[in-house]
Amino acid sequence: MRVLSCLGLVAGMTLVPPLAAQSPTDSAAIRAAALDYIEGWFAGDADRMARALHPELVKRILVHDDVTGGDLVDGMGATRLIEGTRRKFGEQIPADQRRTDVTILDVTGRAASVKVDAGPWVDYMHLVKSGGRWQILNVLWERR
């Protein structure tokens, strides 16, 4: 560490001490937010979905544009996702096809990356810890 500090000073950089590792409490809260999202979707529980989402959420998927032959990005925000949950769109997925597998990929400070395998699709999420709560800020998803 002393060598790295000297190298940083020589190069004109300031080294930041490493952040503390994630706590079991953070891991549980991250997992709970991801489960509120996917289980809330399948159950049509808009309150649970809303609890999981940061108000500035952006959810995106890359889709093929049949008109141009290229790709385009289709996206939605928290309001549209909560409304879709309220309308029970998730209940249209047959129960035997639903999955709720949550894998925490990485946590650094107040940012986390999570993979949710929902069965017919996979969600890659970024969560943030804001106001003491973990919430989903970004989702990139892909159909199987």
N, C-alpha and C. Protein backbone atom coordinates (compact mmCIF):
# COMPACT_ATOMS: atom_id res chain seq x y z
N MET A 1 0.83 -1.19 0.00
CA MET A 1 0.00 0.00 0.00
C MET A 1 0.88 1.25 0.00
N ARG A 2 1.98 1.18 0.76
CA ARG A 2 2.89 2.32 0.84
C ARG A 2 3.47 2.63 -0.54
N VAL A 3 3.82 1.56 -1.29
CA VAL A 3 4.36 1.75 -2.63
C VAL A 3 3.31 2.38 -3.54
N LEU A 4 2.07 1.89 -3.45
CA LEU A 4 1.00 2.45 -4.26
C LEU A 4 0.75 3.92 -3.93
N SER A 5 0.81 4.26 -2.64
CA SER A 5 0.63 5.65 -2.24
C SER A 5 1.72 6.53 -2.82
N CYS A 6 2.96 6.04 -2.77
CA CYS A 6 4.07 6.82 -3.33
C CYS A 6 3.92 6.97 -4.83
N LEU A 7 3.53 5.90 -5.51
CA LEU A 7 3.32 5.97 -6.95
C LEU A 7 2.21 6.96 -7.28
N GLY A 8 1.16 6.96 -6.47
CA GLY A 8 0.07 7.90 -6.69
C GLY A 8 0.51 9.33 -6.52
N LEU A 9 1.34 9.60 -5.52
CA LEU A 9 1.84 10.94 -5.31
C LEU A 9 2.75 11.37 -6.45
N VAL A 10 3.57 10.44 -6.89
CA VAL A 10 4.48 10.74 -7.99
C VAL A 10 3.69 11.05 -9.25
N ALA A 11 2.64 10.31 -9.49
CA ALA A 11 1.85 10.51 -10.70
C ALA A 11 0.88 11.68 -10.56
N GLY A 12 0.82 12.30 -9.39
CA GLY A 12 -0.07 13.43 -9.18
C GLY A 12 -1.51 13.02 -8.92
N MET A 13 -1.72 11.79 -8.49
CA MET A 13 -3.07 11.30 -8.22
C MET A 13 -3.27 11.16 -6.72
N THR A 14 -4.51 11.21 -6.32
CA THR A 14 -4.86 10.95 -4.94
C THR A 14 -5.52 9.59 -4.87
N LEU A 15 -4.98 8.70 -4.06
CA LEU A 15 -5.58 7.38 -3.90
C LEU A 15 -6.66 7.45 -2.84
N VAL A 16 -7.77 6.83 -3.14
CA VAL A 16 -8.89 6.79 -2.21
C VAL A 16 -8.84 5.45 -1.50
N PRO A 17 -8.99 5.45 -0.18
CA PRO A 17 -8.97 4.17 0.52
C PRO A 17 -10.16 3.31 0.07
N PRO A 18 -9.99 1.99 0.07
CA PRO A 18 -11.08 1.12 -0.37
C PRO A 18 -12.29 1.27 0.53
N LEU A 19 -13.48 1.14 -0.08
CA LEU A 19 -14.72 1.19 0.68
C LEU A 19 -14.89 -0.11 1.46
N ALA A 20 -15.62 -0.02 2.53
CA ALA A 20 -15.90 -1.21 3.32
C ALA A 20 -16.74 -2.18 2.48
N ALA A 21 -16.52 -3.46 2.73
CA ALA A 21 -17.29 -4.48 2.01
C ALA A 21 -18.76 -4.36 2.36
N GLN A 22 -19.61 -4.89 1.48
CA GLN A 22 -21.05 -4.83 1.74
C GLN A 22 -21.37 -5.57 3.02
N SER A 23 -22.41 -5.11 3.68
CA SER A 23 -22.83 -5.75 4.92
C SER A 23 -23.93 -6.77 4.62
N PRO A 24 -24.12 -7.73 5.52
CA PRO A 24 -25.23 -8.67 5.34
C PRO A 24 -26.59 -7.94 5.27
N THR A 25 -26.70 -6.83 5.98
CA THR A 25 -27.93 -6.04 5.94
C THR A 25 -28.16 -5.46 4.56
N ASP A 26 -27.08 -4.93 3.94
CA ASP A 26 -27.20 -4.42 2.58
C ASP A 26 -27.56 -5.53 1.61
N SER A 27 -26.91 -6.67 1.73
CA SER A 27 -27.22 -7.80 0.84
C SER A 27 -28.68 -8.19 0.93
N ALA A 28 -29.20 -8.26 2.14
CA ALA A 28 -30.61 -8.62 2.33
C ALA A 28 -31.54 -7.56 1.74
N ALA A 29 -31.19 -6.29 1.90
CA ALA A 29 -32.03 -5.21 1.38
C ALA A 29 -31.98 -5.16 -0.15
N ILE A 30 -30.82 -5.42 -0.73
CA ILE A 30 -30.70 -5.47 -2.19
C ILE A 30 -31.55 -6.61 -2.74
N ARG A 31 -31.42 -7.77 -2.15
CA ARG A 31 -32.21 -8.94 -2.57
C ARG A 31 -33.71 -8.66 -2.40
N ALA A 32 -34.09 -8.02 -1.30
CA ALA A 32 -35.51 -7.71 -1.06
C ALA A 32 -36.05 -6.77 -2.12
N ALA A 33 -35.27 -5.77 -2.53
CA ALA A 33 -35.72 -4.84 -3.57
C ALA A 33 -35.92 -5.58 -4.89
N ALA A 34 -34.97 -6.45 -5.24
CA ALA A 34 -35.10 -7.22 -6.48
C ALA A 34 -36.31 -8.15 -6.44
N LEU A 35 -36.56 -8.75 -5.29
CA LEU A 35 -37.73 -9.63 -5.16
C LEU A 35 -39.03 -8.84 -5.15
N ASP A 36 -39.04 -7.65 -4.55
CA ASP A 36 -40.23 -6.80 -4.61
C ASP A 36 -40.58 -6.50 -6.07
N TYR A 37 -39.55 -6.27 -6.87
CA TYR A 37 -39.72 -5.98 -8.29
C TYR A 37 -40.31 -7.18 -9.03
N ILE A 38 -39.65 -8.33 -8.98
CA ILE A 38 -40.09 -9.45 -9.81
C ILE A 38 -41.29 -10.17 -9.23
N GLU A 39 -41.33 -10.38 -7.93
CA GLU A 39 -42.51 -11.02 -7.34
C GLU A 39 -43.70 -10.08 -7.40
N GLY A 40 -43.47 -8.78 -7.22
CA GLY A 40 -44.55 -7.80 -7.35
C GLY A 40 -45.13 -7.81 -8.75
N TRP A 41 -44.26 -7.91 -9.78
CA TRP A 41 -44.71 -7.97 -11.17
C TRP A 41 -45.61 -9.19 -11.39
N PHE A 42 -45.13 -10.36 -11.00
CA PHE A 42 -45.91 -11.58 -11.22
C PHE A 42 -47.22 -11.58 -10.43
N ALA A 43 -47.23 -10.98 -9.24
CA ALA A 43 -48.43 -10.96 -8.39
C ALA A 43 -49.37 -9.81 -8.70
N GLY A 44 -48.94 -8.87 -9.54
CA GLY A 44 -49.77 -7.70 -9.81
C GLY A 44 -49.85 -6.76 -8.62
N ASP A 45 -48.80 -6.74 -7.80
CA ASP A 45 -48.76 -5.93 -6.58
C ASP A 45 -48.02 -4.62 -6.86
N ALA A 46 -48.79 -3.59 -7.25
CA ALA A 46 -48.20 -2.30 -7.64
C ALA A 46 -47.50 -1.62 -6.47
N ASP A 47 -47.98 -1.80 -5.25
CA ASP A 47 -47.33 -1.20 -4.09
C ASP A 47 -45.93 -1.79 -3.88
N ARG A 48 -45.84 -3.08 -4.05
CA ARG A 48 -44.55 -3.74 -3.90
C ARG A 48 -43.58 -3.29 -5.00
N MET A 49 -44.08 -3.18 -6.23
CA MET A 49 -43.24 -2.71 -7.33
C MET A 49 -42.77 -1.28 -7.06
N ALA A 50 -43.68 -0.42 -6.64
CA ALA A 50 -43.33 0.98 -6.38
C ALA A 50 -42.26 1.09 -5.29
N ARG A 51 -42.34 0.24 -4.29
CA ARG A 51 -41.35 0.26 -3.21
C ARG A 51 -39.96 -0.08 -3.74
N ALA A 52 -39.89 -0.94 -4.77
CA ALA A 52 -38.60 -1.40 -5.30
C ALA A 52 -37.92 -0.36 -6.18
N LEU A 53 -38.69 0.56 -6.77
CA LEU A 53 -38.18 1.44 -7.81
C LEU A 53 -37.79 2.82 -7.32
N HIS A 54 -36.66 3.31 -7.80
CA HIS A 54 -36.30 4.71 -7.62
C HIS A 54 -37.21 5.52 -8.55
N PRO A 55 -37.64 6.71 -8.14
CA PRO A 55 -38.53 7.51 -9.00
C PRO A 55 -37.95 7.82 -10.38
N GLU A 56 -36.62 7.82 -10.50
CA GLU A 56 -35.97 8.13 -11.78
C GLU A 56 -35.62 6.87 -12.58
N LEU A 57 -36.24 5.74 -12.24
CA LEU A 57 -35.96 4.48 -12.94
C LEU A 57 -36.08 4.62 -14.45
N VAL A 58 -35.16 3.95 -15.15
CA VAL A 58 -35.26 3.76 -16.59
C VAL A 58 -35.06 2.28 -16.86
N LYS A 59 -36.04 1.67 -17.55
CA LYS A 59 -35.96 0.26 -17.94
C LYS A 59 -35.92 0.22 -19.45
N ARG A 60 -34.92 -0.50 -20.00
CA ARG A 60 -34.72 -0.50 -21.45
C ARG A 60 -34.50 -1.90 -21.99
N ILE A 61 -34.84 -2.05 -23.28
CA ILE A 61 -34.55 -3.26 -24.04
C ILE A 61 -34.20 -2.85 -25.46
N LEU A 62 -33.26 -3.54 -26.06
CA LEU A 62 -32.92 -3.33 -27.45
C LEU A 62 -33.82 -4.24 -28.28
N VAL A 63 -34.58 -3.66 -29.21
CA VAL A 63 -35.51 -4.44 -30.04
C VAL A 63 -35.20 -4.22 -31.52
N HIS A 64 -35.61 -5.18 -32.33
CA HIS A 64 -35.42 -5.08 -33.77
C HIS A 64 -36.54 -4.23 -34.36
N ASP A 65 -36.18 -3.29 -35.22
CA ASP A 65 -37.14 -2.44 -35.91
C ASP A 65 -37.38 -3.05 -37.30
N ASP A 66 -38.58 -3.61 -37.50
CA ASP A 66 -38.90 -4.25 -38.77
C ASP A 66 -38.93 -3.26 -39.93
N VAL A 67 -39.19 -2.00 -39.66
CA VAL A 67 -39.26 -1.00 -40.72
C VAL A 67 -37.87 -0.68 -41.28
N THR A 68 -36.93 -0.40 -40.38
CA THR A 68 -35.59 -0.01 -40.82
C THR A 68 -34.63 -1.19 -40.92
N GLY A 69 -34.98 -2.29 -40.28
CA GLY A 69 -34.08 -3.44 -40.25
C GLY A 69 -32.98 -3.31 -39.22
N GLY A 70 -32.96 -2.21 -38.50
CA GLY A 70 -31.95 -1.99 -37.46
C GLY A 70 -32.51 -2.25 -36.07
N ASP A 71 -31.79 -1.79 -35.10
CA ASP A 71 -32.20 -1.92 -33.71
C ASP A 71 -32.62 -0.57 -33.17
N LEU A 72 -33.51 -0.60 -32.18
CA LEU A 72 -33.87 0.61 -31.47
C LEU A 72 -34.07 0.28 -30.01
N VAL A 73 -33.99 1.29 -29.19
CA VAL A 73 -34.13 1.13 -27.75
C VAL A 73 -35.55 1.49 -27.34
N ASP A 74 -36.21 0.54 -26.68
CA ASP A 74 -37.54 0.79 -26.13
C ASP A 74 -37.37 0.92 -24.63
N GLY A 75 -37.95 1.95 -24.06
CA GLY A 75 -37.78 2.18 -22.64
C GLY A 75 -39.05 2.59 -21.94
N MET A 76 -38.99 2.51 -20.63
CA MET A 76 -40.10 2.96 -19.79
C MET A 76 -39.54 3.46 -18.47
N GLY A 77 -40.34 4.25 -17.80
CA GLY A 77 -39.98 4.76 -16.49
C GLY A 77 -40.77 4.06 -15.39
N ALA A 78 -40.60 4.54 -14.17
CA ALA A 78 -41.24 3.94 -13.01
C ALA A 78 -42.76 3.96 -13.12
N THR A 79 -43.32 5.07 -13.57
CA THR A 79 -44.78 5.19 -13.64
C THR A 79 -45.39 4.13 -14.55
N ARG A 80 -44.81 3.94 -15.72
CA ARG A 80 -45.34 2.96 -16.67
C ARG A 80 -45.19 1.53 -16.13
N LEU A 81 -44.08 1.24 -15.48
CA LEU A 81 -43.87 -0.09 -14.94
C LEU A 81 -44.83 -0.37 -13.78
N ILE A 82 -45.06 0.61 -12.94
CA ILE A 82 -46.00 0.43 -11.82
C ILE A 82 -47.42 0.25 -12.37
N GLU A 83 -47.78 1.02 -13.38
CA GLU A 83 -49.11 0.89 -13.97
C GLU A 83 -49.29 -0.48 -14.64
N GLY A 84 -48.26 -0.96 -15.33
CA GLY A 84 -48.33 -2.29 -15.92
C GLY A 84 -48.50 -3.37 -14.87
N THR A 85 -47.85 -3.18 -13.73
CA THR A 85 -48.01 -4.11 -12.61
C THR A 85 -49.44 -4.06 -12.10
N ARG A 86 -49.96 -2.86 -11.91
CA ARG A 86 -51.33 -2.68 -11.43
C ARG A 86 -52.34 -3.33 -12.38
N ARG A 87 -52.05 -3.31 -13.67
CA ARG A 87 -52.95 -3.91 -14.67
C ARG A 87 -52.77 -5.43 -14.78
N LYS A 88 -51.89 -5.97 -13.94
CA LYS A 88 -51.71 -7.41 -13.82
C LYS A 88 -51.08 -8.05 -15.07
N PHE A 89 -50.25 -7.30 -15.81
CA PHE A 89 -49.61 -7.86 -17.00
C PHE A 89 -48.72 -9.05 -16.65
N GLY A 90 -48.12 -9.02 -15.47
CA GLY A 90 -47.24 -10.11 -15.05
C GLY A 90 -47.98 -11.41 -14.82
N GLU A 91 -49.26 -11.33 -14.51
CA GLU A 91 -50.05 -12.53 -14.28
C GLU A 91 -50.30 -13.29 -15.58
N GLN A 92 -50.02 -12.68 -16.73
CA GLN A 92 -50.20 -13.35 -18.02
C GLN A 92 -49.13 -14.41 -18.27
N ILE A 93 -48.03 -14.34 -17.53
CA ILE A 93 -46.97 -15.35 -17.66
C ILE A 93 -47.42 -16.60 -16.89
N PRO A 94 -47.49 -17.75 -17.56
CA PRO A 94 -47.89 -18.97 -16.85
C PRO A 94 -46.99 -19.25 -15.65
N ALA A 95 -47.59 -19.69 -14.56
CA ALA A 95 -46.86 -19.90 -13.31
C ALA A 95 -45.67 -20.84 -13.48
N ASP A 96 -45.79 -21.84 -14.35
CA ASP A 96 -44.69 -22.80 -14.52
C ASP A 96 -43.51 -22.22 -15.30
N GLN A 97 -43.67 -21.03 -15.88
CA GLN A 97 -42.57 -20.37 -16.60
C GLN A 97 -41.90 -19.28 -15.77
N ARG A 98 -42.46 -18.93 -14.64
CA ARG A 98 -41.94 -17.83 -13.82
C ARG A 98 -40.75 -18.29 -12.98
N ARG A 99 -39.76 -17.41 -12.92
CA ARG A 99 -38.62 -17.61 -12.03
C ARG A 99 -38.36 -16.31 -11.29
N THR A 100 -37.76 -16.42 -10.13
CA THR A 100 -37.43 -15.24 -9.32
C THR A 100 -36.03 -15.39 -8.75
N ASP A 101 -35.10 -15.81 -9.60
CA ASP A 101 -33.72 -16.05 -9.17
C ASP A 101 -32.94 -14.74 -9.15
N VAL A 102 -32.47 -14.36 -7.98
CA VAL A 102 -31.73 -13.10 -7.79
C VAL A 102 -30.27 -13.42 -7.51
N THR A 103 -29.38 -12.79 -8.29
CA THR A 103 -27.93 -12.92 -8.07
C THR A 103 -27.35 -11.52 -7.92
N ILE A 104 -26.75 -11.26 -6.77
CA ILE A 104 -26.05 -9.99 -6.57
C ILE A 104 -24.68 -10.14 -7.22
N LEU A 105 -24.42 -9.32 -8.23
CA LEU A 105 -23.18 -9.41 -8.99
C LEU A 105 -22.05 -8.59 -8.36
N ASP A 106 -22.40 -7.42 -7.81
CA ASP A 106 -21.36 -6.54 -7.26
C ASP A 106 -22.02 -5.47 -6.40
N VAL A 107 -21.32 -5.07 -5.37
CA VAL A 107 -21.75 -3.94 -4.53
C VAL A 107 -20.52 -3.10 -4.22
N THR A 108 -20.63 -1.81 -4.48
CA THR A 108 -19.57 -0.86 -4.14
C THR A 108 -20.25 0.36 -3.55
N GLY A 109 -20.01 0.61 -2.28
CA GLY A 109 -20.61 1.78 -1.64
C GLY A 109 -22.13 1.74 -1.73
N ARG A 110 -22.68 2.75 -2.42
CA ARG A 110 -24.14 2.86 -2.54
C ARG A 110 -24.65 2.41 -3.91
N ALA A 111 -23.86 1.59 -4.61
CA ALA A 111 -24.24 1.09 -5.93
C ALA A 111 -24.14 -0.44 -5.95
N ALA A 112 -25.10 -1.07 -6.61
CA ALA A 112 -25.10 -2.53 -6.72
C ALA A 112 -25.56 -2.94 -8.11
N SER A 113 -25.02 -4.06 -8.58
CA SER A 113 -25.46 -4.67 -9.83
C SER A 113 -26.06 -6.02 -9.50
N VAL A 114 -27.22 -6.30 -10.09
CA VAL A 114 -27.98 -7.51 -9.78
C VAL A 114 -28.51 -8.12 -11.07
N LYS A 115 -28.55 -9.44 -11.12
CA LYS A 115 -29.18 -10.15 -12.22
C LYS A 115 -30.41 -10.85 -11.67
N VAL A 116 -31.54 -10.68 -12.36
CA VAL A 116 -32.76 -11.40 -12.01
C VAL A 116 -33.15 -12.27 -13.19
N ASP A 117 -33.15 -13.57 -12.98
CA ASP A 117 -33.63 -14.51 -13.99
C ASP A 117 -35.11 -14.73 -13.71
N ALA A 118 -35.94 -14.19 -14.61
CA ALA A 118 -37.39 -14.24 -14.42
C ALA A 118 -38.05 -15.36 -15.21
N GLY A 119 -37.27 -16.16 -15.89
CA GLY A 119 -37.82 -17.23 -16.72
C GLY A 119 -37.78 -16.84 -18.19
N PRO A 120 -38.85 -16.23 -18.68
CA PRO A 120 -38.87 -15.84 -20.10
C PRO A 120 -37.93 -14.68 -20.44
N TRP A 121 -37.38 -14.02 -19.45
CA TRP A 121 -36.45 -12.92 -19.68
C TRP A 121 -35.48 -12.81 -18.51
N VAL A 122 -34.42 -12.01 -18.73
CA VAL A 122 -33.42 -11.72 -17.70
C VAL A 122 -33.33 -10.21 -17.56
N ASP A 123 -33.29 -9.73 -16.33
CA ASP A 123 -33.11 -8.31 -16.03
C ASP A 123 -31.73 -8.11 -15.41
N TYR A 124 -30.98 -7.15 -15.95
CA TYR A 124 -29.75 -6.70 -15.32
C TYR A 124 -30.04 -5.34 -14.71
N MET A 125 -29.84 -5.22 -13.42
CA MET A 125 -30.26 -4.03 -12.68
C MET A 125 -29.09 -3.32 -12.03
N HIS A 126 -29.25 -2.01 -11.91
CA HIS A 126 -28.39 -1.20 -11.06
C HIS A 126 -29.27 -0.66 -9.95
N LEU A 127 -28.84 -0.86 -8.74
CA LEU A 127 -29.55 -0.33 -7.58
C LEU A 127 -28.70 0.72 -6.91
N VAL A 128 -29.36 1.66 -6.25
CA VAL A 128 -28.69 2.69 -5.47
C VAL A 128 -29.28 2.71 -4.07
N LYS A 129 -28.43 3.08 -3.13
CA LYS A 129 -28.89 3.24 -1.76
C LYS A 129 -29.09 4.72 -1.52
N SER A 130 -30.33 5.12 -1.46
CA SER A 130 -30.69 6.53 -1.32
C SER A 130 -31.65 6.67 -0.15
N GLY A 131 -31.35 7.60 0.73
CA GLY A 131 -32.21 7.78 1.89
C GLY A 131 -32.26 6.54 2.77
N GLY A 132 -31.18 5.75 2.75
CA GLY A 132 -31.11 4.56 3.59
C GLY A 132 -31.80 3.34 2.98
N ARG A 133 -32.36 3.47 1.75
CA ARG A 133 -33.07 2.36 1.11
C ARG A 133 -32.42 2.00 -0.21
N TRP A 134 -32.37 0.71 -0.51
CA TRP A 134 -31.91 0.24 -1.80
C TRP A 134 -33.09 0.24 -2.77
N GLN A 135 -32.89 0.88 -3.93
CA GLN A 135 -33.94 0.95 -4.95
C GLN A 135 -33.31 0.74 -6.34
N ILE A 136 -34.12 0.25 -7.25
CA ILE A 136 -33.67 -0.02 -8.61
C ILE A 136 -33.70 1.27 -9.41
N LEU A 137 -32.57 1.63 -10.00
CA LEU A 137 -32.43 2.85 -10.78
C LEU A 137 -32.43 2.57 -12.28
N ASN A 138 -31.77 1.49 -12.70
CA ASN A 138 -31.67 1.13 -14.12
C ASN A 138 -31.95 -0.35 -14.30
N VAL A 139 -32.62 -0.69 -15.41
CA VAL A 139 -32.82 -2.09 -15.78
C VAL A 139 -32.57 -2.21 -17.28
N LEU A 140 -31.72 -3.15 -17.65
CA LEU A 140 -31.55 -3.56 -19.04
C LEU A 140 -32.03 -5.00 -19.09
N TRP A 141 -33.00 -5.26 -19.96
CA TRP A 141 -33.54 -6.62 -19.99
C TRP A 141 -33.48 -7.21 -21.37
N GLU A 142 -33.56 -8.54 -21.39
CA GLU A 142 -33.47 -9.29 -22.64
C GLU A 142 -34.38 -10.51 -22.56
N ARG A 143 -35.14 -10.71 -23.62
CA ARG A 143 -35.99 -11.91 -23.71
C ARG A 143 -35.14 -13.13 -24.05
N ARG A 144 -35.57 -14.27 -23.62
CA ARG A 144 -34.88 -15.53 -23.99
C ARG A 144 -35.30 -15.92 -25.39
